[in-house]
C-alpha atoms as a PDB file:
ATOM      1  CA  UNK A   1      27.391  19.797  -1.825  1.00  0.00           C
ATOM      2  CA  UNK A   2      24.232  17.544  -2.010  1.00  0.00           C
ATOM      3  CA  UNK A   3      20.616  18.463  -1.463  1.00  0.00           C
ATOM      4  CA  UNK A   4      18.174  15.780  -0.941  1.00  0.00           C
ATOM      5  CA  UNK A   5      18.838  12.086  -1.197  1.00  0.00           C
ATOM      6  CA  UNK A   6      20.387  11.054  -4.420  1.00  0.00           C
ATOM      7  CA  UNK A   7      18.013   8.545  -6.426  1.00  0.00           C
ATOM      8  CA  UNK A   8      15.250   8.722  -4.041  1.00  0.00           C
ATOM      9  CA  UNK A   9      12.162  10.848  -4.855  1.00  0.00           C
ATOM     10  CA  UNK A  10      10.725  12.794  -1.795  1.00  0.00           C
ATOM     11  CA  UNK A  11       7.189  12.325  -0.597  1.00  0.00           C
ATOM     12  CA  UNK A  12       4.595  14.844  -2.027  1.00  0.00           C
ATOM     13  CA  UNK A  13       5.518  18.138  -0.452  1.00  0.00           C
ATOM     14  CA  UNK A  14       8.967  17.271   0.399  1.00  0.00           C
ATOM     15  CA  UNK A  15      12.078  18.517  -1.634  1.00  0.00           C
ATOM     16  CA  UNK A  16      12.647  16.755  -3.925  1.00  0.00           C
ATOM     17  CA  UNK A  17      10.364  14.757  -6.067  1.00  0.00           C
ATOM     18  CA  UNK A  18      12.087  14.471  -9.691  1.00  0.00           C
ATOM     19  CA  UNK A  19      13.778  17.864  -9.937  1.00  0.00           C
ATOM     20  CA  UNK A  20      14.447  19.244 -13.274  1.00  0.00           C
ATOM     21  CA  UNK A  21      17.000  21.895 -13.266  1.00  0.00           C
ATOM     22  CA  UNK A  22      19.318  23.938 -10.921  1.00  0.00           C
ATOM     23  CA  UNK A  23      20.706  27.451 -11.175  1.00  0.00           C
ATOM     24  CA  UNK A  24      23.399  29.342  -9.030  1.00  0.00           C
ATOM     25  CA  UNK A  25      23.385  33.080  -8.650  1.00  0.00           C
ATOM     26  CA  UNK A  26      26.701  35.001  -8.682  1.00  0.00           C
ATOM     27  CA  UNK A  27      25.991  35.524  -4.810  1.00  0.00           C
ATOM     28  CA  UNK A  28      26.011  31.677  -4.366  1.00  0.00           C
ATOM     29  CA  UNK A  29      22.148  31.136  -3.978  1.00  0.00           C
ATOM     30  CA  UNK A  30      20.889  27.939  -5.379  1.00  0.00           C
ATOM     31  CA  UNK A  31      17.586  27.692  -7.031  1.00  0.00           C
ATOM     32  CA  UNK A  32      16.076  24.137  -7.845  1.00  0.00           C
ATOM     33  CA  UNK A  33      13.044  23.509 -10.017  1.00  0.00           C
ATOM     34  CA  UNK A  34      11.033  20.622  -8.838  1.00  0.00           C
ATOM     35  CA  UNK A  35       8.496  20.824 -11.664  1.00  0.00           C
ATOM     36  CA  UNK A  36       7.804  17.177 -12.461  1.00  0.00           C
ATOM     37  CA  UNK A  37       6.622  15.942  -9.067  1.00  0.00           C
ATOM     38  CA  UNK A  38       6.056  18.988  -6.741  1.00  0.00           C
ATOM     39  CA  UNK A  39       5.464  21.877  -9.065  1.00  0.00           C
ATOM     40  CA  UNK A  40       7.835  24.150  -7.046  1.00  0.00           C
ATOM     41  CA  UNK A  41      10.949  26.202  -6.930  1.00  0.00           C
ATOM     42  CA  UNK A  42      13.188  25.839  -3.820  1.00  0.00           C
ATOM     43  CA  UNK A  43      15.766  28.397  -2.891  1.00  0.00           C
ATOM     44  CA  UNK A  44      18.836  27.517  -0.750  1.00  0.00           C
ATOM     45  CA  UNK A  45      21.533  29.844   0.592  1.00  0.00           C
ATOM     46  CA  UNK A  46      25.200  29.324  -0.597  1.00  0.00           C
ATOM     47  CA  UNK A  47      25.727  27.023   2.436  1.00  0.00           C
ATOM     48  CA  UNK A  48      22.811  24.688   1.564  1.00  0.00           C
ATOM     49  CA  UNK A  49      20.239  26.092   4.091  1.00  0.00           C
ATOM     50  CA  UNK A  50      16.738  26.073   2.695  1.00  0.00           C
ATOM     51  CA  UNK A  51      15.291  29.588   2.473  1.00  0.00           C
ATOM     52  CA  UNK A  52      11.941  29.106   0.973  1.00  0.00           C
ATOM     53  CA  UNK A  53       9.922  27.432  -1.675  1.00  0.00           C
ATOM     54  CA  UNK A  54       7.116  28.541  -3.857  1.00  0.00           C
ATOM     55  CA  UNK A  55       4.551  27.267  -6.597  1.00  0.00           C
ATOM     56  CA  UNK A  56       1.668  24.805  -6.787  1.00  0.00           C
ATOM     57  CA  UNK A  57      -0.029  22.472  -9.254  1.00  0.00           C
ATOM     58  CA  UNK A  58      -2.156  24.218 -11.873  1.00  0.00           C
END
């Protein structure tokens, strides 16, 4: 599965802009830290649907 566009940083506010890490839970939920460009964490369901995001600069 691919989330976002490989090698193409998103615009400010769009997932993703230089994501830094990913974690997958035992239930299959996916968390992506987008700390360098957007200062946020994005949560996706196991089938790749965006659930929500949180965080801000500061």
